[in-house]
Amino acid sequence: MRPIFCIAALVATSLIASSAPAQSRGFAWFFSHSRPHGSCAGQHVVATYYSSGRRTASGQAFNSGGFTAAHRTLPFGSQVAVTNPENGRSVTVTINDRGPFTRGVTLDLARGAAHAIGMSGTQWVCMS
């Protein structure tokens, strides 16, 4: 009876370890169940926000309440207007960090910028 129990435990452990992390399942669900909506003067992109960190890739101290953002390729210091199409609220952020590194996500906003436009999680925004 013991060998069967051990085999069952090993199989269960390998299935749990090989499954995708919860966050990646969340992003997969987001991309398969949401589409951009509303008019946009720039381009519709997916944005997330983050609220912790020490230093940004530009060398600045991270300020979670600031109007800053991370982008993979825009030069540091670039000013980008971000609008929440659900409520029309807009904010200008300064690019001072690199990322996000999740496929399909274009911007990582500091919590202050996300709060200013009424963003509560991953969502489509207008970037111009």
N, C-alpha and C. Protein backbone atom coordinates (compact mmCIF):
# COMPACT_ATOMS: atom_id res chain seq x y z
N MET A 1 0.82 -1.19 0.00
CA MET A 1 0.00 0.00 0.00
C MET A 1 0.87 1.26 0.00
N ARG A 2 1.97 1.24 0.68
CA ARG A 2 2.86 2.40 0.73
C ARG A 2 3.42 2.78 -0.63
N PRO A 3 3.91 1.84 -1.46
CA PRO A 3 4.46 2.23 -2.76
C PRO A 3 3.42 2.95 -3.62
N ILE A 4 2.17 2.55 -3.58
CA ILE A 4 1.13 3.20 -4.37
C ILE A 4 0.94 4.63 -3.89
N PHE A 5 0.93 4.83 -2.58
CA PHE A 5 0.80 6.17 -2.02
C PHE A 5 1.96 7.06 -2.47
N CYS A 6 3.18 6.53 -2.44
CA CYS A 6 4.36 7.30 -2.85
C CYS A 6 4.28 7.68 -4.32
N ILE A 7 3.86 6.75 -5.17
CA ILE A 7 3.74 7.03 -6.60
C ILE A 7 2.68 8.11 -6.84
N ALA A 8 1.56 8.00 -6.16
CA ALA A 8 0.49 8.99 -6.31
C ALA A 8 0.98 10.37 -5.86
N ALA A 9 1.72 10.42 -4.79
CA ALA A 9 2.25 11.70 -4.31
C ALA A 9 3.24 12.29 -5.31
N LEU A 10 4.09 11.47 -5.89
CA LEU A 10 5.04 11.96 -6.88
C LEU A 10 4.33 12.48 -8.13
N VAL A 11 3.32 11.78 -8.59
CA VAL A 11 2.57 12.23 -9.76
C VAL A 11 1.88 13.56 -9.46
N ALA A 12 1.24 13.68 -8.31
CA ALA A 12 0.58 14.93 -7.95
C ALA A 12 1.57 16.08 -7.85
N THR A 13 2.73 15.83 -7.27
CA THR A 13 3.75 16.86 -7.14
C THR A 13 4.24 17.31 -8.51
N SER A 14 4.47 16.39 -9.42
CA SER A 14 4.96 16.77 -10.74
C SER A 14 3.92 17.54 -11.52
N LEU A 15 2.64 17.20 -11.37
CA LEU A 15 1.59 17.95 -12.05
C LEU A 15 1.49 19.37 -11.53
N ILE A 16 1.59 19.54 -10.22
CA ILE A 16 1.54 20.88 -9.63
C ILE A 16 2.74 21.70 -10.05
N ALA A 17 3.92 21.11 -10.03
CA ALA A 17 5.14 21.83 -10.38
C ALA A 17 5.19 22.21 -11.85
N SER A 18 4.57 21.42 -12.72
CA SER A 18 4.65 21.71 -14.14
C SER A 18 3.56 22.65 -14.63
N SER A 19 2.57 22.95 -13.81
CA SER A 19 1.51 23.85 -14.26
C SER A 19 2.02 25.29 -14.30
N ALA A 20 1.40 26.11 -15.14
CA ALA A 20 1.81 27.49 -15.30
C ALA A 20 1.55 28.26 -14.01
N PRO A 21 2.39 29.27 -13.72
CA PRO A 21 2.15 30.07 -12.53
C PRO A 21 0.81 30.80 -12.62
N ALA A 22 0.26 31.12 -11.47
CA ALA A 22 -1.06 31.75 -11.43
C ALA A 22 -1.08 33.06 -12.19
N GLN A 23 -0.02 33.86 -12.12
CA GLN A 23 0.00 35.14 -12.80
C GLN A 23 -0.09 34.97 -14.31
N SER A 24 0.64 34.00 -14.87
CA SER A 24 0.60 33.82 -16.31
C SER A 24 -0.78 33.31 -16.76
N ARG A 25 -1.44 32.51 -15.94
CA ARG A 25 -2.81 32.12 -16.28
C ARG A 25 -3.71 33.34 -16.28
N GLY A 26 -3.48 34.26 -15.35
CA GLY A 26 -4.27 35.48 -15.29
C GLY A 26 -4.11 36.34 -16.53
N PHE A 27 -2.86 36.50 -17.00
CA PHE A 27 -2.64 37.29 -18.20
C PHE A 27 -3.23 36.60 -19.41
N ALA A 28 -3.12 35.29 -19.49
CA ALA A 28 -3.70 34.55 -20.61
C ALA A 28 -5.22 34.76 -20.64
N TRP A 29 -5.84 34.70 -19.48
CA TRP A 29 -7.27 34.93 -19.40
C TRP A 29 -7.59 36.35 -19.85
N PHE A 30 -6.82 37.33 -19.38
CA PHE A 30 -7.05 38.73 -19.73
C PHE A 30 -7.01 38.91 -21.24
N PHE A 31 -5.96 38.39 -21.88
CA PHE A 31 -5.82 38.60 -23.31
C PHE A 31 -6.88 37.87 -24.12
N SER A 32 -7.37 36.75 -23.62
CA SER A 32 -8.39 36.02 -24.37
C SER A 32 -9.80 36.55 -24.11
N HIS A 33 -9.99 37.34 -23.05
CA HIS A 33 -11.33 37.79 -22.70
C HIS A 33 -11.52 39.31 -22.76
N SER A 34 -10.54 40.05 -23.20
CA SER A 34 -10.72 41.51 -23.25
C SER A 34 -10.19 42.06 -24.57
N ARG A 35 -10.79 43.13 -24.99
CA ARG A 35 -10.39 43.83 -26.20
C ARG A 35 -10.42 45.32 -25.90
N PRO A 36 -9.57 46.10 -26.60
CA PRO A 36 -9.62 47.55 -26.37
C PRO A 36 -10.96 48.11 -26.82
N HIS A 37 -11.38 49.16 -26.16
CA HIS A 37 -12.63 49.81 -26.54
C HIS A 37 -12.47 51.31 -26.39
N GLY A 38 -13.37 52.05 -26.99
CA GLY A 38 -13.31 53.51 -26.95
C GLY A 38 -12.36 54.06 -27.99
N SER A 39 -12.45 55.36 -28.21
CA SER A 39 -11.57 55.99 -29.18
C SER A 39 -10.22 56.29 -28.52
N CYS A 40 -9.20 56.32 -29.35
CA CYS A 40 -7.85 56.54 -28.83
C CYS A 40 -7.07 57.36 -29.84
N ALA A 41 -6.50 58.48 -29.39
CA ALA A 41 -5.72 59.34 -30.27
C ALA A 41 -4.34 58.74 -30.56
N GLY A 42 -3.88 57.86 -29.70
CA GLY A 42 -2.58 57.22 -29.89
C GLY A 42 -2.75 55.77 -30.25
N GLN A 43 -2.32 54.89 -29.35
CA GLN A 43 -2.50 53.46 -29.58
C GLN A 43 -2.99 52.79 -28.32
N HIS A 44 -3.84 51.79 -28.51
CA HIS A 44 -4.32 50.99 -27.38
C HIS A 44 -3.20 50.03 -26.98
N VAL A 45 -2.85 50.02 -25.70
CA VAL A 45 -1.84 49.11 -25.17
C VAL A 45 -2.33 48.54 -23.85
N VAL A 46 -1.74 47.45 -23.42
CA VAL A 46 -2.08 46.86 -22.13
C VAL A 46 -1.11 47.41 -21.10
N ALA A 47 -1.65 47.82 -19.97
CA ALA A 47 -0.84 48.37 -18.88
C ALA A 47 -1.12 47.63 -17.58
N THR A 48 -0.10 47.54 -16.77
CA THR A 48 -0.21 47.04 -15.40
C THR A 48 0.36 48.12 -14.50
N TYR A 49 0.33 47.89 -13.20
CA TYR A 49 1.00 48.84 -12.32
C TYR A 49 1.75 48.08 -11.23
N TYR A 50 2.75 48.76 -10.68
CA TYR A 50 3.55 48.16 -9.62
C TYR A 50 3.73 49.17 -8.51
N SER A 51 3.95 48.66 -7.30
CA SER A 51 3.99 49.56 -6.15
C SER A 51 5.19 49.34 -5.25
N SER A 52 6.15 48.54 -5.70
CA SER A 52 7.32 48.33 -4.86
C SER A 52 8.58 48.31 -5.71
N GLY A 53 9.67 48.64 -5.09
CA GLY A 53 10.95 48.66 -5.77
C GLY A 53 11.90 49.60 -5.05
N ARG A 54 13.14 49.54 -5.38
CA ARG A 54 14.13 50.42 -4.75
C ARG A 54 14.63 51.45 -5.74
N ARG A 55 15.26 50.97 -6.78
CA ARG A 55 15.82 51.84 -7.81
C ARG A 55 15.26 51.44 -9.16
N THR A 56 15.10 52.43 -10.01
CA THR A 56 14.65 52.14 -11.36
C THR A 56 15.87 51.91 -12.25
N ALA A 57 15.66 51.45 -13.45
CA ALA A 57 16.76 51.18 -14.37
C ALA A 57 17.50 52.47 -14.74
N SER A 58 16.84 53.61 -14.61
CA SER A 58 17.50 54.89 -14.90
C SER A 58 18.37 55.36 -13.75
N GLY A 59 18.30 54.69 -12.60
CA GLY A 59 19.08 55.06 -11.44
C GLY A 59 18.32 55.87 -10.41
N GLN A 60 17.12 56.31 -10.75
CA GLN A 60 16.31 57.09 -9.81
C GLN A 60 15.73 56.17 -8.73
N ALA A 61 15.48 56.75 -7.57
CA ALA A 61 14.78 56.00 -6.51
C ALA A 61 13.35 55.79 -6.97
N PHE A 62 12.81 54.60 -6.74
CA PHE A 62 11.44 54.31 -7.14
C PHE A 62 10.48 55.02 -6.20
N ASN A 63 9.50 55.72 -6.76
CA ASN A 63 8.48 56.42 -6.01
C ASN A 63 7.14 55.83 -6.41
N SER A 64 6.54 55.01 -5.56
CA SER A 64 5.29 54.34 -5.94
C SER A 64 4.14 55.32 -6.15
N GLY A 65 4.22 56.50 -5.55
CA GLY A 65 3.16 57.49 -5.72
C GLY A 65 3.40 58.44 -6.88
N GLY A 66 4.49 58.26 -7.59
CA GLY A 66 4.84 59.16 -8.68
C GLY A 66 4.13 58.87 -9.97
N PHE A 67 4.31 59.78 -10.91
CA PHE A 67 3.74 59.62 -12.25
C PHE A 67 4.85 59.17 -13.17
N THR A 68 5.29 57.93 -12.98
CA THR A 68 6.35 57.35 -13.77
C THR A 68 5.89 56.01 -14.33
N ALA A 69 6.67 55.49 -15.27
CA ALA A 69 6.30 54.21 -15.87
C ALA A 69 7.54 53.50 -16.39
N ALA A 70 7.38 52.21 -16.61
CA ALA A 70 8.42 51.38 -17.23
C ALA A 70 7.96 51.03 -18.64
N HIS A 71 8.90 51.08 -19.57
CA HIS A 71 8.66 50.70 -20.96
C HIS A 71 9.93 50.03 -21.46
N ARG A 72 9.79 49.02 -22.30
CA ARG A 72 10.96 48.27 -22.75
C ARG A 72 11.90 49.07 -23.64
N THR A 73 11.41 49.96 -24.50
CA THR A 73 12.28 50.59 -25.50
C THR A 73 12.30 52.11 -25.50
N LEU A 74 11.29 52.79 -24.99
CA LEU A 74 11.30 54.25 -25.01
C LEU A 74 12.48 54.79 -24.20
N PRO A 75 13.10 55.87 -24.66
CA PRO A 75 14.23 56.44 -23.91
C PRO A 75 13.80 56.96 -22.53
N PHE A 76 14.70 56.86 -21.56
CA PHE A 76 14.42 57.43 -20.24
C PHE A 76 14.16 58.92 -20.40
N GLY A 77 13.20 59.41 -19.64
CA GLY A 77 12.82 60.82 -19.71
C GLY A 77 11.70 61.11 -20.69
N SER A 78 11.33 60.13 -21.51
CA SER A 78 10.21 60.34 -22.45
C SER A 78 8.93 60.62 -21.67
N GLN A 79 8.14 61.54 -22.17
CA GLN A 79 6.85 61.86 -21.58
C GLN A 79 5.76 61.18 -22.40
N VAL A 80 4.90 60.42 -21.73
CA VAL A 80 3.85 59.67 -22.41
C VAL A 80 2.52 59.99 -21.74
N ALA A 81 1.52 60.32 -22.55
CA ALA A 81 0.17 60.54 -22.03
C ALA A 81 -0.54 59.19 -21.99
N VAL A 82 -1.13 58.87 -20.85
CA VAL A 82 -1.85 57.61 -20.67
C VAL A 82 -3.28 57.94 -20.27
N THR A 83 -4.23 57.41 -21.03
CA THR A 83 -5.65 57.69 -20.78
C THR A 83 -6.38 56.39 -20.51
N ASN A 84 -7.22 56.40 -19.49
CA ASN A 84 -8.08 55.26 -19.20
C ASN A 84 -9.34 55.43 -20.04
N PRO A 85 -9.55 54.57 -21.05
CA PRO A 85 -10.72 54.74 -21.92
C PRO A 85 -12.05 54.47 -21.22
N GLU A 86 -12.01 53.84 -20.06
CA GLU A 86 -13.26 53.55 -19.34
C GLU A 86 -13.85 54.79 -18.68
N ASN A 87 -12.98 55.76 -18.32
CA ASN A 87 -13.49 56.95 -17.65
C ASN A 87 -12.96 58.26 -18.23
N GLY A 88 -12.05 58.19 -19.20
CA GLY A 88 -11.52 59.38 -19.85
C GLY A 88 -10.42 60.10 -19.06
N ARG A 89 -10.09 59.61 -17.88
CA ARG A 89 -9.05 60.27 -17.09
C ARG A 89 -7.68 60.01 -17.69
N SER A 90 -6.83 61.05 -17.63
CA SER A 90 -5.53 60.98 -18.29
C SER A 90 -4.44 61.53 -17.37
N VAL A 91 -3.22 61.05 -17.58
CA VAL A 91 -2.07 61.51 -16.82
C VAL A 91 -0.85 61.42 -17.74
N THR A 92 0.12 62.30 -17.52
CA THR A 92 1.38 62.23 -18.26
C THR A 92 2.42 61.60 -17.35
N VAL A 93 3.05 60.55 -17.84
CA VAL A 93 4.07 59.85 -17.05
C VAL A 93 5.43 60.00 -17.72
N THR A 94 6.46 59.87 -16.91
CA THR A 94 7.84 59.91 -17.39
C THR A 94 8.40 58.50 -17.36
N ILE A 95 8.98 58.06 -18.46
CA ILE A 95 9.59 56.74 -18.53
C ILE A 95 10.92 56.78 -17.79
N ASN A 96 11.04 55.98 -16.73
CA ASN A 96 12.29 55.95 -15.96
C ASN A 96 12.73 54.54 -15.59
N ASP A 97 12.07 53.53 -16.17
CA ASP A 97 12.40 52.15 -15.82
C ASP A 97 12.20 51.27 -17.04
N ARG A 98 12.75 50.07 -16.99
CA ARG A 98 12.58 49.09 -18.06
C ARG A 98 11.58 48.03 -17.64
N GLY A 99 10.92 47.48 -18.59
CA GLY A 99 9.90 46.49 -18.36
C GLY A 99 8.64 46.97 -19.05
N PRO A 100 7.55 46.37 -18.90
CA PRO A 100 7.32 45.10 -18.23
C PRO A 100 7.84 43.95 -19.09
N PHE A 101 8.07 42.84 -18.47
CA PHE A 101 8.64 41.71 -19.18
C PHE A 101 7.64 40.58 -19.37
N THR A 102 6.36 40.92 -19.28
CA THR A 102 5.28 39.97 -19.56
C THR A 102 4.84 40.20 -20.99
N ARG A 103 4.81 39.13 -21.78
CA ARG A 103 4.43 39.23 -23.19
C ARG A 103 3.06 39.88 -23.32
N GLY A 104 2.98 40.88 -24.19
CA GLY A 104 1.71 41.55 -24.45
C GLY A 104 1.46 42.78 -23.61
N VAL A 105 2.21 42.96 -22.53
CA VAL A 105 2.04 44.13 -21.67
C VAL A 105 3.06 45.18 -22.08
N THR A 106 2.62 46.41 -22.33
CA THR A 106 3.49 47.46 -22.84
C THR A 106 3.99 48.41 -21.77
N LEU A 107 3.15 48.74 -20.81
CA LEU A 107 3.51 49.73 -19.78
C LEU A 107 3.33 49.15 -18.38
N ASP A 108 4.26 49.49 -17.50
CA ASP A 108 4.12 49.26 -16.06
C ASP A 108 4.06 50.65 -15.43
N LEU A 109 2.90 51.04 -14.96
CA LEU A 109 2.75 52.35 -14.33
C LEU A 109 3.08 52.27 -12.85
N ALA A 110 3.63 53.36 -12.30
CA ALA A 110 3.76 53.45 -10.85
C ALA A 110 2.34 53.54 -10.29
N ARG A 111 2.17 53.09 -9.07
CA ARG A 111 0.83 53.05 -8.46
C ARG A 111 0.16 54.42 -8.47
N GLY A 112 0.91 55.48 -8.27
CA GLY A 112 0.33 56.83 -8.26
C GLY A 112 -0.31 57.19 -9.59
N ALA A 113 0.35 56.87 -10.68
CA ALA A 113 -0.20 57.15 -12.01
C ALA A 113 -1.43 56.29 -12.27
N ALA A 114 -1.36 55.01 -11.90
CA ALA A 114 -2.50 54.11 -12.09
C ALA A 114 -3.71 54.60 -11.30
N HIS A 115 -3.47 55.02 -10.07
CA HIS A 115 -4.55 55.51 -9.22
C HIS A 115 -5.16 56.79 -9.81
N ALA A 116 -4.32 57.66 -10.36
CA ALA A 116 -4.79 58.93 -10.91
C ALA A 116 -5.75 58.73 -12.08
N ILE A 117 -5.59 57.66 -12.84
CA ILE A 117 -6.50 57.42 -13.97
C ILE A 117 -7.59 56.39 -13.63
N GLY A 118 -7.63 55.96 -12.38
CA GLY A 118 -8.68 55.03 -11.95
C GLY A 118 -8.45 53.60 -12.39
N MET A 119 -7.21 53.22 -12.54
CA MET A 119 -6.89 51.87 -12.97
C MET A 119 -6.78 50.97 -11.73
N SER A 120 -7.42 49.81 -11.79
CA SER A 120 -7.40 48.94 -10.61
C SER A 120 -6.68 47.61 -10.86
N GLY A 121 -6.24 47.37 -12.06
CA GLY A 121 -5.55 46.13 -12.39
C GLY A 121 -5.05 46.21 -13.82
N THR A 122 -4.73 45.08 -14.39
CA THR A 122 -4.30 45.05 -15.79
C THR A 122 -5.45 45.49 -16.68
N GLN A 123 -5.19 46.42 -17.59
CA GLN A 123 -6.26 46.86 -18.47
C GLN A 123 -5.69 47.53 -19.72
N TRP A 124 -6.56 47.70 -20.70
CA TRP A 124 -6.21 48.43 -21.91
C TRP A 124 -6.24 49.92 -21.59
N VAL A 125 -5.24 50.66 -22.07
CA VAL A 125 -5.19 52.10 -21.94
C VAL A 125 -4.82 52.68 -23.29
N CYS A 126 -4.96 53.99 -23.43
CA CYS A 126 -4.55 54.70 -24.63
C CYS A 126 -3.24 55.39 -24.32
N MET A 127 -2.22 55.12 -25.12
CA MET A 127 -0.90 55.73 -24.92
C MET A 127 -0.60 56.63 -26.11
N SER A 128 -0.26 57.88 -25.81
CA SER A 128 0.09 58.81 -26.88
C SER A 128 1.23 59.71 -26.45
